[in-house]
């Protein structure tokens, strides 16, 4: 594997690590609707401002969000909708699997009870 390929894999791993936290996923979901300041994110996802800022910094380092200053506020936004698409795909897979398990349970009960 080339050094460039290794670097790409490292970047992918960094993004996936950043997505591997429920609070960060909630933040991304909230930012999907547009730019928000830190206090709005805190109000929506809960927790302390310091904790939310830490999560936003992780998302920023992973290249998932970006920020800009507007007066005294720092506004955050999703940088790439592809990351949100990955989350939606994972959710769709989990929903399908849950439906399949539910269907199998219902079918199993019907077969046993029938």
PDB file of N, CA and C in Angstrom:
ATOM      1  N   UNK A   1       0.846  -1.171   0.000  1.00  0.00           N
ATOM      2  CA  UNK A   1       0.000   0.000   0.000  1.00  0.00           C
ATOM      3  C   UNK A   1       0.895   1.239   0.000  1.00  0.00           C
ATOM      4  N   UNK A   2       0.533   2.217  -0.796  1.00  0.00           N
ATOM      5  CA  UNK A   2       1.335   3.435  -0.889  1.00  0.00           C
ATOM      6  C   UNK A   2       1.074   4.332   0.315  1.00  0.00           C
ATOM      7  N   UNK A   3       1.968   5.278   0.505  1.00  0.00           N
ATOM      8  CA  UNK A   3       1.816   6.237   1.603  1.00  0.00           C
ATOM      9  C   UNK A   3       0.538   7.049   1.421  1.00  0.00           C
ATOM     10  N   UNK A   4       0.212   7.375   0.183  1.00  0.00           N
ATOM     11  CA  UNK A   4      -1.007   8.137  -0.092  1.00  0.00           C
ATOM     12  C   UNK A   4      -2.253   7.326   0.271  1.00  0.00           C
ATOM     13  N   UNK A   5      -2.244   6.039  -0.064  1.00  0.00           N
ATOM     14  CA  UNK A   5      -3.375   5.175   0.287  1.00  0.00           C
ATOM     15  C   UNK A   5      -3.512   5.045   1.803  1.00  0.00           C
ATOM     16  N   UNK A   6      -2.383   4.946   2.489  1.00  0.00           N
ATOM     17  CA  UNK A   6      -2.402   4.886   3.957  1.00  0.00           C
ATOM     18  C   UNK A   6      -3.017   6.154   4.536  1.00  0.00           C
ATOM     19  N   UNK A   7      -2.650   7.292   3.954  1.00  0.00           N
ATOM     20  CA  UNK A   7      -3.187   8.570   4.417  1.00  0.00           C
ATOM     21  C   UNK A   7      -4.698   8.628   4.214  1.00  0.00           C
ATOM     22  N   UNK A   8      -5.166   8.161   3.072  1.00  0.00           N
ATOM     23  CA  UNK A   8      -6.603   8.139   2.796  1.00  0.00           C
ATOM     24  C   UNK A   8      -7.320   7.261   3.816  1.00  0.00           C
ATOM     25  N   UNK A   9      -6.769   6.085   4.097  1.00  0.00           N
ATOM     26  CA  UNK A   9      -7.382   5.191   5.081  1.00  0.00           C
ATOM     27  C   UNK A   9      -7.404   5.828   6.468  1.00  0.00           C
ATOM     28  N   UNK A  10      -6.345   6.537   6.821  1.00  0.00           N
ATOM     29  CA  UNK A  10      -6.315   7.238   8.107  1.00  0.00           C
ATOM     30  C   UNK A  10      -7.410   8.295   8.176  1.00  0.00           C
ATOM     31  N   UNK A  11      -7.607   9.029   7.090  1.00  0.00           N
ATOM     32  CA  UNK A  11      -8.655  10.058   7.055  1.00  0.00           C
ATOM     33  C   UNK A  11     -10.038   9.432   7.176  1.00  0.00           C
ATOM     34  N   UNK A  12     -10.245   8.324   6.494  1.00  0.00           N
ATOM     35  CA  UNK A  12     -11.528   7.622   6.591  1.00  0.00           C
ATOM     36  C   UNK A  12     -11.762   7.170   8.030  1.00  0.00           C
ATOM     37  N   UNK A  13     -10.746   6.588   8.641  1.00  0.00           N
ATOM     38  CA  UNK A  13     -10.868   6.121  10.027  1.00  0.00           C
ATOM     39  C   UNK A  13     -11.170   7.281  10.971  1.00  0.00           C
ATOM     40  N   UNK A  14     -10.531   8.426  10.755  1.00  0.00           N
ATOM     41  CA  UNK A  14     -10.793   9.602  11.590  1.00  0.00           C
ATOM     42  C   UNK A  14     -12.248  10.040  11.476  1.00  0.00           C
ATOM     43  N   UNK A  15     -12.772  10.045  10.272  1.00  0.00           N
ATOM     44  CA  UNK A  15     -14.177  10.432  10.087  1.00  0.00           C
ATOM     45  C   UNK A  15     -15.117   9.445  10.751  1.00  0.00           C
ATOM     46  N   UNK A  16     -14.837   8.164  10.581  1.00  0.00           N
ATOM     47  CA  UNK A  16     -15.703   7.153  11.191  1.00  0.00           C
ATOM     48  C   UNK A  16     -15.632   7.210  12.715  1.00  0.00           C
ATOM     49  N   UNK A  17     -14.453   7.476  13.263  1.00  0.00           N
ATOM     50  CA  UNK A  17     -14.327   7.634  14.719  1.00  0.00           C
ATOM     51  C   UNK A  17     -15.164   8.820  15.193  1.00  0.00           C
ATOM     52  N   UNK A  18     -15.129   9.902  14.436  1.00  0.00           N
ATOM     53  CA  UNK A  18     -15.901  11.084  14.813  1.00  0.00           C
ATOM     54  C   UNK A  18     -17.402  10.800  14.767  1.00  0.00           C
ATOM     55  N   UNK A  19     -17.817   9.919  13.876  1.00  0.00           N
ATOM     56  CA  UNK A  19     -19.236   9.566  13.764  1.00  0.00           C
ATOM     57  C   UNK A  19     -19.664   8.540  14.813  1.00  0.00           C
ATOM     58  N   UNK A  20     -18.719   7.963  15.517  1.00  0.00           N
ATOM     59  CA  UNK A  20     -19.004   6.861  16.438  1.00  0.00           C
ATOM     60  C   UNK A  20     -19.381   7.342  17.838  1.00  0.00           C
ATOM     61  N   UNK A  21     -20.121   8.426  17.915  1.00  0.00           N
ATOM     62  CA  UNK A  21     -20.553   8.952  19.203  1.00  0.00           C
ATOM     63  C   UNK A  21     -21.972   9.494  19.065  1.00  0.00           C
ATOM     64  N   UNK A  22     -22.901   9.078  19.911  1.00  0.00           N
ATOM     65  CA  UNK A  22     -24.291   9.527  19.779  1.00  0.00           C
ATOM     66  C   UNK A  22     -24.457  11.042  19.861  1.00  0.00           C
ATOM     67  N   UNK A  23     -23.696  11.702  20.726  1.00  0.00           N
ATOM     68  CA  UNK A  23     -23.814  13.160  20.829  1.00  0.00           C
ATOM     69  C   UNK A  23     -23.384  13.819  19.531  1.00  0.00           C
ATOM     70  N   UNK A  24     -22.294  13.358  18.951  1.00  0.00           N
ATOM     71  CA  UNK A  24     -21.831  13.954  17.691  1.00  0.00           C
ATOM     72  C   UNK A  24     -22.815  13.673  16.564  1.00  0.00           C
ATOM     73  N   UNK A  25     -23.436  12.513  16.578  1.00  0.00           N
ATOM     74  CA  UNK A  25     -24.464  12.224  15.567  1.00  0.00           C
ATOM     75  C   UNK A  25     -25.663  13.152  15.738  1.00  0.00           C
ATOM     76  N   UNK A  26     -26.052  13.421  16.991  1.00  0.00           N
ATOM     77  CA  UNK A  26     -27.162  14.359  17.232  1.00  0.00           C
ATOM     78  C   UNK A  26     -26.789  15.757  16.742  1.00  0.00           C
ATOM     79  N   UNK A  27     -25.549  16.157  16.997  1.00  0.00           N
ATOM     80  CA  UNK A  27     -25.088  17.476  16.539  1.00  0.00           C
ATOM     81  C   UNK A  27     -25.158  17.553  15.017  1.00  0.00           C
ATOM     82  N   UNK A  28     -24.642  16.550  14.337  1.00  0.00           N
ATOM     83  CA  UNK A  28     -24.683  16.546  12.866  1.00  0.00           C
ATOM     84  C   UNK A  28     -26.114  16.602  12.356  1.00  0.00           C
ATOM     85  N   UNK A  29     -26.981  15.829  12.983  1.00  0.00           N
ATOM     86  CA  UNK A  29     -28.388  15.817  12.572  1.00  0.00           C
ATOM     87  C   UNK A  29     -28.997  17.214  12.732  1.00  0.00           C
ATOM     88  N   UNK A  30     -28.689  17.892  13.836  1.00  0.00           N
ATOM     89  CA  UNK A  30     -29.201  19.237  14.073  1.00  0.00           C
ATOM     90  C   UNK A  30     -28.640  20.231  13.059  1.00  0.00           C
ATOM     91  N   UNK A  31     -27.355  20.098  12.743  1.00  0.00           N
ATOM     92  CA  UNK A  31     -26.722  21.024  11.797  1.00  0.00           C
ATOM     93  C   UNK A  31     -27.141  20.764  10.355  1.00  0.00           C
ATOM     94  N   UNK A  32     -27.802  19.647  10.130  1.00  0.00           N
ATOM     95  CA  UNK A  32     -28.256  19.326   8.777  1.00  0.00           C
ATOM     96  C   UNK A  32     -29.188  20.414   8.230  1.00  0.00           C
ATOM     97  N   UNK A  33     -29.921  21.084   9.120  1.00  0.00           N
ATOM     98  CA  UNK A  33     -30.870  22.116   8.700  1.00  0.00           C
ATOM     99  C   UNK A  33     -30.229  23.476   8.472  1.00  0.00           C
ATOM    100  N   UNK A  34     -28.935  23.608   8.747  1.00  0.00           N
ATOM    101  CA  UNK A  34     -28.258  24.872   8.501  1.00  0.00           C
ATOM    102  C   UNK A  34     -27.317  25.261   9.626  1.00  0.00           C
ATOM    103  N   UNK A  35     -26.711  26.409   9.463  1.00  0.00           N
ATOM    104  CA  UNK A  35     -25.742  26.907  10.440  1.00  0.00           C
ATOM    105  C   UNK A  35     -26.403  27.155  11.789  1.00  0.00           C
ATOM    106  N   UNK A  36     -25.648  26.861  12.834  1.00  0.00           N
ATOM    107  CA  UNK A  36     -26.129  27.091  14.199  1.00  0.00           C
ATOM    108  C   UNK A  36     -24.963  27.545  15.071  1.00  0.00           C
ATOM    109  N   UNK A  37     -25.275  28.406  16.034  1.00  0.00           N
ATOM    110  CA  UNK A  37     -24.242  28.791  16.995  1.00  0.00           C
ATOM    111  C   UNK A  37     -24.182  27.738  18.101  1.00  0.00           C
ATOM    112  N   UNK A  38     -23.115  27.782  18.868  1.00  0.00           N
ATOM    113  CA  UNK A  38     -22.876  26.773  19.898  1.00  0.00           C
ATOM    114  C   UNK A  38     -24.033  26.725  20.893  1.00  0.00           C
ATOM    115  N   UNK A  39     -24.546  27.886  21.295  1.00  0.00           N
ATOM    116  CA  UNK A  39     -25.627  27.884  22.289  1.00  0.00           C
ATOM    117  C   UNK A  39     -26.875  27.183  21.755  1.00  0.00           C
ATOM    118  N   UNK A  40     -27.162  27.313  20.460  1.00  0.00           N
ATOM    119  CA  UNK A  40     -28.301  26.599  19.872  1.00  0.00           C
ATOM    120  C   UNK A  40     -28.062  25.090  19.892  1.00  0.00           C
ATOM    121  N   UNK A  41     -26.833  24.699  19.604  1.00  0.00           N
ATOM    122  CA  UNK A  41     -26.495  23.267  19.626  1.00  0.00           C
ATOM    123  C   UNK A  41     -26.634  22.734  21.047  1.00  0.00           C
ATOM    124  N   UNK A  42     -26.152  23.490  22.028  1.00  0.00           N
ATOM    125  CA  UNK A  42     -26.264  23.082  23.432  1.00  0.00           C
ATOM    126  C   UNK A  42     -27.732  22.915  23.809  1.00  0.00           C
ATOM    127  N   UNK A  43     -28.568  23.891  23.436  1.00  0.00           N
ATOM    128  CA  UNK A  43     -30.001  23.815  23.756  1.00  0.00           C
ATOM    129  C   UNK A  43     -30.643  22.581  23.149  1.00  0.00           C
ATOM    130  N   UNK A  44     -30.238  22.215  21.949  1.00  0.00           N
ATOM    131  CA  UNK A  44     -30.858  21.090  21.249  1.00  0.00           C
ATOM    132  C   UNK A  44     -30.360  19.741  21.750  1.00  0.00           C
ATOM    133  N   UNK A  45     -29.048  19.584  21.885  1.00  0.00           N
ATOM    134  CA  UNK A  45     -28.509  18.254  22.220  1.00  0.00           C
ATOM    135  C   UNK A  45     -28.290  18.065  23.715  1.00  0.00           C
ATOM    136  N   UNK A  46     -28.318  19.143  24.482  1.00  0.00           N
ATOM    137  CA  UNK A  46     -28.106  19.032  25.919  1.00  0.00           C
ATOM    138  C   UNK A  46     -26.631  18.968  26.259  1.00  0.00           C
ATOM    139  N   UNK A  47     -26.365  18.901  27.543  1.00  0.00           N
ATOM    140  CA  UNK A  47     -24.987  18.879  28.001  1.00  0.00           C
ATOM    141  C   UNK A  47     -24.470  20.285  28.232  1.00  0.00           C
ATOM    142  N   UNK A  48     -23.245  20.364  28.662  1.00  0.00           N
ATOM    143  CA  UNK A  48     -22.633  21.660  28.929  1.00  0.00           C
ATOM    144  C   UNK A  48     -22.068  22.249  27.638  1.00  0.00           C
ATOM    145  N   UNK A  49     -21.860  23.556  27.663  1.00  0.00           N
ATOM    146  CA  UNK A  49     -21.268  24.202  26.496  1.00  0.00           C
ATOM    147  C   UNK A  49     -19.857  23.675  26.255  1.00  0.00           C
ATOM    148  N   UNK A  50     -19.119  23.413  27.332  1.00  0.00           N
ATOM    149  CA  UNK A  50     -17.754  22.889  27.182  1.00  0.00           C
ATOM    150  C   UNK A  50     -17.769  21.524  26.499  1.00  0.00           C
ATOM    151  N   UNK A  51     -18.706  20.672  26.888  1.00  0.00           N
ATOM    152  CA  UNK A  51     -18.794  19.337  26.304  1.00  0.00           C
ATOM    153  C   UNK A  51     -19.188  19.410  24.827  1.00  0.00           C
ATOM    154  N   UNK A  52     -20.179  20.240  24.513  1.00  0.00           N
ATOM    155  CA  UNK A  52     -20.604  20.389  23.116  1.00  0.00           C
ATOM    156  C   UNK A  52     -19.469  20.975  22.285  1.00  0.00           C
ATOM    157  N   UNK A  53     -18.760  21.944  22.831  1.00  0.00           N
ATOM    158  CA  UNK A  53     -17.626  22.532  22.108  1.00  0.00           C
ATOM    159  C   UNK A  53     -16.555  21.489  21.825  1.00  0.00           C
ATOM    160  N   UNK A  54     -16.335  20.588  22.778  1.00  0.00           N
ATOM    161  CA  UNK A  54     -15.364  19.502  22.577  1.00  0.00           C
ATOM    162  C   UNK A  54     -15.804  18.609  21.413  1.00  0.00           C
ATOM    163  N   UNK A  55     -17.081  18.255  21.390  1.00  0.00           N
ATOM    164  CA  UNK A  55     -17.595  17.418  20.304  1.00  0.00           C
ATOM    165  C   UNK A  55     -17.513  18.146  18.958  1.00  0.00           C
ATOM    166  N   UNK A  56     -17.827  19.434  18.953  1.00  0.00           N
ATOM    167  CA  UNK A  56     -17.730  20.211  17.714  1.00  0.00           C
ATOM    168  C   UNK A  56     -16.284  20.269  17.224  1.00  0.00           C
ATOM    169  N   UNK A  57     -15.339  20.380  18.137  1.00  0.00           N
ATOM    170  CA  UNK A  57     -13.921  20.403  17.752  1.00  0.00           C
ATOM    171  C   UNK A  57     -13.515  19.077  17.112  1.00  0.00           C
ATOM    172  N   UNK A  58     -14.008  17.972  17.651  1.00  0.00           N
ATOM    173  CA  UNK A  58     -13.707  16.656  17.073  1.00  0.00           C
ATOM    174  C   UNK A  58     -14.297  16.561  15.673  1.00  0.00           C
ATOM    175  N   UNK A  59     -15.534  17.008  15.519  1.00  0.00           N
ATOM    176  CA  UNK A  59     -16.176  16.985  14.196  1.00  0.00           C
ATOM    177  C   UNK A  59     -15.430  17.887  13.216  1.00  0.00           C
ATOM    178  N   UNK A  60     -14.952  19.003  13.708  1.00  0.00           N
ATOM    179  CA  UNK A  60     -14.215  19.934  12.844  1.00  0.00           C
ATOM    180  C   UNK A  60     -12.881  19.340  12.406  1.00  0.00           C
ATOM    181  N   UNK A  61     -12.147  18.747  13.338  1.00  0.00           N
ATOM    182  CA  UNK A  61     -10.858  18.122  12.990  1.00  0.00           C
ATOM    183  C   UNK A  61     -11.043  16.987  11.985  1.00  0.00           C
ATOM    184  N   UNK A  62     -12.171  16.312  12.068  1.00  0.00           N
ATOM    185  CA  UNK A  62     -12.452  15.213  11.138  1.00  0.00           C
ATOM    186  C   UNK A  62     -12.957  15.724   9.790  1.00  0.00           C
ATOM    187  N   UNK A  63     -13.160  17.035   9.682  1.00  0.00           N
ATOM    188  CA  UNK A  63     -13.621  17.606   8.418  1.00  0.00           C
ATOM    189  C   UNK A  63     -15.110  17.458   8.181  1.00  0.00           C
ATOM    190  N   UNK A  64     -15.864  17.175   9.240  1.00  0.00           N
ATOM    191  CA  UNK A  64     -17.307  16.980   9.092  1.00  0.00           C
ATOM    192  C   UNK A  64     -18.097  18.268   9.265  1.00  0.00           C
ATOM    193  N   UNK A  65     -17.565  19.200  10.048  1.00  0.00           N
ATOM    194  CA  UNK A  65     -18.196  20.510  10.205  1.00  0.00           C
ATOM    195  C   UNK A  65     -17.141  21.588  10.029  1.00  0.00           C
ATOM    196  N   UNK A  66     -17.628  22.771   9.752  1.00  0.00           N
ATOM    197  CA  UNK A  66     -16.767  23.938   9.629  1.00  0.00           C
ATOM    198  C   UNK A  66     -17.424  25.048  10.431  1.00  0.00           C
ATOM    199  N   UNK A  67     -16.694  26.104  10.699  1.00  0.00           N
ATOM    200  CA  UNK A  67     -17.275  27.205  11.457  1.00  0.00           C
ATOM    201  C   UNK A  67     -16.807  28.535  10.888  1.00  0.00           C
ATOM    202  N   UNK A  68     -17.570  29.553  11.239  1.00  0.00           N
ATOM    203  CA  UNK A  68     -17.203  30.922  10.876  1.00  0.00           C
ATOM    204  C   UNK A  68     -17.711  31.847  11.973  1.00  0.00           C
ATOM    205  N   UNK A  69     -17.036  32.963  12.116  1.00  0.00           N
ATOM    206  CA  UNK A  69     -17.442  33.954  13.117  1.00  0.00           C
ATOM    207  C   UNK A  69     -18.474  34.897  12.522  1.00  0.00           C
ATOM    208  N   UNK A  70     -19.465  35.217  13.352  1.00  0.00           N
ATOM    209  CA  UNK A  70     -20.431  36.265  13.011  1.00  0.00           C
ATOM    210  C   UNK A  70     -20.623  37.076  14.281  1.00  0.00           C
ATOM    211  N   UNK A  71     -19.970  38.205  14.335  1.00  0.00           N
ATOM    212  CA  UNK A  71     -19.993  39.007  15.553  1.00  0.00           C
ATOM    213  C   UNK A  71     -19.326  38.250  16.682  1.00  0.00           C
ATOM    214  N   UNK A  72     -20.055  38.089  17.778  1.00  0.00           N
ATOM    215  CA  UNK A  72     -19.524  37.364  18.928  1.00  0.00           C
ATOM    216  C   UNK A  72     -19.771  35.866  18.841  1.00  0.00           C
ATOM    217  N   UNK A  73     -20.575  35.450  17.879  1.00  0.00           N
ATOM    218  CA  UNK A  73     -20.937  34.036  17.757  1.00  0.00           C
ATOM    219  C   UNK A  73     -20.047  33.291  16.776  1.00  0.00           C
ATOM    220  N   UNK A  74     -19.895  32.013  17.031  1.00  0.00           N
ATOM    221  CA  UNK A  74     -19.248  31.107  16.088  1.00  0.00           C
ATOM    222  C   UNK A  74     -20.348  30.199  15.561  1.00  0.00           C
ATOM    223  N   UNK A  75     -20.524  30.203  14.247  1.00  0.00           N
ATOM    224  CA  UNK A  75     -21.560  29.393  13.610  1.00  0.00           C
ATOM    225  C   UNK A  75     -20.937  28.141  13.016  1.00  0.00           C
ATOM    226  N   UNK A  76     -21.586  27.017  13.253  1.00  0.00           N
ATOM    227  CA  UNK A  76     -21.119  25.726  12.737  1.00  0.00           C
ATOM    228  C   UNK A  76     -22.074  25.228  11.672  1.00  0.00           C
ATOM    229  N   UNK A  77     -21.512  24.525  10.690  1.00  0.00           N
ATOM    230  CA  UNK A  77     -22.322  23.939   9.620  1.00  0.00           C
ATOM    231  C   UNK A  77     -21.671  22.648   9.158  1.00  0.00           C
ATOM    232  N   UNK A  78     -22.483  21.789   8.570  1.00  0.00           N
ATOM    233  CA  UNK A  78     -21.971  20.544   7.994  1.00  0.00           C
ATOM    234  C   UNK A  78     -21.205  20.904   6.732  1.00  0.00           C
ATOM    235  N   UNK A  79     -20.010  20.347   6.568  1.00  0.00           N
ATOM    236  CA  UNK A  79     -19.194  20.684   5.404  1.00  0.00           C
ATOM    237  C   UNK A  79     -19.488  19.812   4.196  1.00  0.00           C
ATOM    238  N   UNK A  80     -19.973  18.608   4.443  1.00  0.00           N
ATOM    239  CA  UNK A  80     -20.159  17.673   3.337  1.00  0.00           C
ATOM    240  C   UNK A  80     -21.383  16.806   3.595  1.00  0.00           C
ATOM    241  N   UNK A  81     -22.386  16.938   2.759  1.00  0.00           N
ATOM    242  CA  UNK A  81     -23.622  16.173   2.929  1.00  0.00           C
ATOM    243  C   UNK A  81     -23.400  14.674   2.772  1.00  0.00           C
ATOM    244  N   UNK A  82     -22.289  14.278   2.187  1.00  0.00           N
ATOM    245  CA  UNK A  82     -21.997  12.855   2.021  1.00  0.00           C
ATOM    246  C   UNK A  82     -21.920  12.154   3.371  1.00  0.00           C
ATOM    247  N   UNK A  83     -21.369  12.817   4.366  1.00  0.00           N
ATOM    248  CA  UNK A  83     -21.286  12.223   5.702  1.00  0.00           C
ATOM    249  C   UNK A  83     -22.673  11.947   6.257  1.00  0.00           C
ATOM    250  N   UNK A  84     -23.604  12.860   6.016  1.00  0.00           N
ATOM    251  CA  UNK A  84     -24.982  12.645   6.458  1.00  0.00           C
ATOM    252  C   UNK A  84     -25.612  11.496   5.690  1.00  0.00           C
ATOM    253  N   UNK A  85     -25.251  11.366   4.438  1.00  0.00           N
ATOM    254  CA  UNK A  85     -25.752  10.260   3.624  1.00  0.00           C
ATOM    255  C   UNK A  85     -25.289   8.921   4.188  1.00  0.00           C
ATOM    256  N   UNK A  86     -24.055   8.871   4.655  1.00  0.00           N
ATOM    257  CA  UNK A  86     -23.532   7.650   5.280  1.00  0.00           C
ATOM    258  C   UNK A  86     -24.372   7.304   6.508  1.00  0.00           C
ATOM    259  N   UNK A  87     -24.682   8.303   7.325  1.00  0.00           N
ATOM    260  CA  UNK A  87     -25.503   8.069   8.520  1.00  0.00           C
ATOM    261  C   UNK A  87     -26.892   7.568   8.134  1.00  0.00           C
ATOM    262  N   UNK A  88     -27.480   8.174   7.107  1.00  0.00           N
ATOM    263  CA  UNK A  88     -28.811   7.732   6.649  1.00  0.00           C
ATOM    264  C   UNK A  88     -28.769   6.292   6.152  1.00  0.00           C
ATOM    265  N   UNK A  89     -27.713   5.937   5.438  1.00  0.00           N
ATOM    266  CA  UNK A  89     -27.578   4.565   4.933  1.00  0.00           C
ATOM    267  C   UNK A  89     -27.492   3.577   6.087  1.00  0.00           C
ATOM    268  N   UNK A  90     -26.697   3.901   7.091  1.00  0.00           N
ATOM    269  CA  UNK A  90     -26.576   3.020   8.260  1.00  0.00           C
ATOM    270  C   UNK A  90     -27.926   2.892   8.960  1.00  0.00           C
ATOM    271  N   UNK A  91     -28.640   4.000   9.116  1.00  0.00           N
ATOM    272  CA  UNK A  91     -29.969   3.954   9.745  1.00  0.00           C
ATOM    273  C   UNK A  91     -30.921   3.077   8.944  1.00  0.00           C
ATOM    274  N   UNK A  92     -30.889   3.203   7.629  1.00  0.00           N
ATOM    275  CA  UNK A  92     -31.773   2.391   6.782  1.00  0.00           C
ATOM    276  C   UNK A  92     -31.464   0.907   6.935  1.00  0.00           C
ATOM    277  N   UNK A  93     -30.194   0.562   6.998  1.00  0.00           N
ATOM    278  CA  UNK A  93     -29.803  -0.844   7.185  1.00  0.00           C
ATOM    279  C   UNK A  93     -30.305  -1.350   8.533  1.00  0.00           C
ATOM    280  N   UNK A  94     -30.118  -0.563   9.586  1.00  0.00           N
ATOM    281  CA  UNK A  94     -30.566  -0.972  10.918  1.00  0.00           C
ATOM    282  C   UNK A  94     -32.082  -1.125  10.974  1.00  0.00           C
ATOM    283  N   UNK A  95     -32.802  -0.202  10.336  1.00  0.00           N
ATOM    284  CA  UNK A  95     -34.268  -0.303  10.305  1.00  0.00           C
ATOM    285  C   UNK A  95     -34.714  -1.552   9.557  1.00  0.00           C
ATOM    286  N   UNK A  96     -34.072  -1.837   8.440  1.00  0.00           N
ATOM    287  CA  UNK A  96     -34.426  -3.030   7.667  1.00  0.00           C
ATOM    288  C   UNK A  96     -34.167  -4.291   8.481  1.00  0.00           C
ATOM    289  N   UNK A  97     -33.015  -4.338   9.147  1.00  0.00           N
ATOM    290  CA  UNK A  97     -32.684  -5.511   9.959  1.00  0.00           C
ATOM    291  C   UNK A  97     -33.670  -5.680  11.115  1.00  0.00           C
ATOM    292  N   UNK A  98     -34.066  -4.586  11.734  1.00  0.00           N
ATOM    293  CA  UNK A  98     -35.044  -4.663  12.826  1.00  0.00           C
ATOM    294  C   UNK A  98     -36.383  -5.166  12.306  1.00  0.00           C
ATOM    295  N   UNK A  99     -36.790  -4.687  11.136  1.00  0.00           N
ATOM    296  CA  UNK A  99     -38.049  -5.145  10.544  1.00  0.00           C
ATOM    297  C   UNK A  99     -37.979  -6.629  10.208  1.00  0.00           C
ATOM    298  N   UNK A 100     -36.844  -7.072   9.703  1.00  0.00           N
ATOM    299  CA  UNK A 100     -36.679  -8.495   9.380  1.00  0.00           C
ATOM    300  C   UNK A 100     -36.738  -9.354  10.638  1.00  0.00           C
ATOM    301  N   UNK A 101     -36.100  -8.893  11.718  1.00  0.00           N
ATOM    302  CA  UNK A 101     -36.150  -9.637  12.981  1.00  0.00           C
ATOM    303  C   UNK A 101     -37.574  -9.679  13.524  1.00  0.00           C
ATOM    304  N   UNK A 102     -38.265  -8.548  13.445  1.00  0.00           N
ATOM    305  CA  UNK A 102     -39.653  -8.491  13.907  1.00  0.00           C
ATOM    306  C   UNK A 102     -40.517  -9.454  13.100  1.00  0.00           C
ATOM    307  N   UNK A 103     -40.346  -9.423  11.795  1.00  0.00           N
ATOM    308  CA  UNK A 103     -41.114 -10.313  10.919  1.00  0.00           C
ATOM    309  C   UNK A 103     -40.830 -11.774  11.263  1.00  0.00           C
ATOM    310  N   UNK A 104     -39.562 -12.109  11.493  1.00  0.00           N
ATOM    311  CA  UNK A 104     -39.193 -13.485  11.834  1.00  0.00           C
ATOM    312  C   UNK A 104     -39.822 -13.902  13.165  1.00  0.00           C
ATOM    313  N   UNK A 105     -39.856 -12.979  14.133  1.00  0.00           N
ATOM    314  CA  UNK A 105     -40.485 -13.289  15.418  1.00  0.00           C
ATOM    315  C   UNK A 105     -41.981 -13.519  15.258  1.00  0.00           C
ATOM    316  N   UNK A 106     -42.634 -12.655  14.489  1.00  0.00           N
ATOM    317  CA  UNK A 106     -44.076 -12.796  14.263  1.00  0.00           C
ATOM    318  C   UNK A 106     -44.363 -14.103  13.542  1.00  0.00           C
ATOM    319  N   UNK A 107     -43.576 -14.405  12.526  1.00  0.00           N
ATOM    320  CA  UNK A 107     -43.760 -15.658  11.784  1.00  0.00           C
ATOM    321  C   UNK A 107     -43.525 -16.861  12.692  1.00  0.00           C
ATOM    322  N   UNK A 108     -42.530 -16.769  13.565  1.00  0.00           N
ATOM    323  CA  UNK A 108     -42.233 -17.855  14.497  1.00  0.00           C
ATOM    324  C   UNK A 108     -43.373 -18.087  15.464  1.00  0.00           C
ATOM    325  N   UNK A 109     -43.976 -17.008  15.949  1.00  0.00           N
ATOM    326  CA  UNK A 109     -45.118 -17.133  16.862  1.00  0.00           C
ATOM    327  C   UNK A 109     -46.314 -17.732  16.152  1.00  0.00           C
ATOM    328  N   UNK A 110     -46.528 -17.310  14.915  1.00  0.00           N
ATOM    329  CA  UNK A 110     -47.654 -17.829  14.143  1.00  0.00           C
ATOM    330  C   UNK A 110     -47.487 -19.324  13.907  1.00  0.00           C
ATOM    331  N   UNK A 111     -46.262 -19.731  13.575  1.00  0.00           N
ATOM    332  CA  UNK A 111     -46.008 -21.153  13.307  1.00  0.00           C
ATOM    333  C   UNK A 111     -46.188 -21.983  14.578  1.00  0.00           C
ATOM    334  N   UNK A 112     -45.727 -21.447  15.709  1.00  0.00           N
ATOM    335  CA  UNK A 112     -45.836 -22.173  16.972  1.00  0.00           C
ATOM    336  C   UNK A 112     -47.279 -22.172  17.461  1.00  0.00           C
ATOM    337  N   UNK A 113     -47.940 -21.023  17.333  1.00  0.00           N
ATOM    338  CA  UNK A 113     -49.312 -20.905  17.831  1.00  0.00           C
ATOM    339  C   UNK A 113     -50.349 -21.489  16.905  1.00  0.00           C
ATOM    340  N   UNK A 114     -50.004 -21.716  15.639  1.00  0.00           N
ATOM    341  CA  UNK A 114     -50.956 -22.156  14.628  1.00  0.00           C
ATOM    342  C   UNK A 114     -51.243 -23.566  14.703  1.00  0.00           C
TER     343      UNK A 114
END
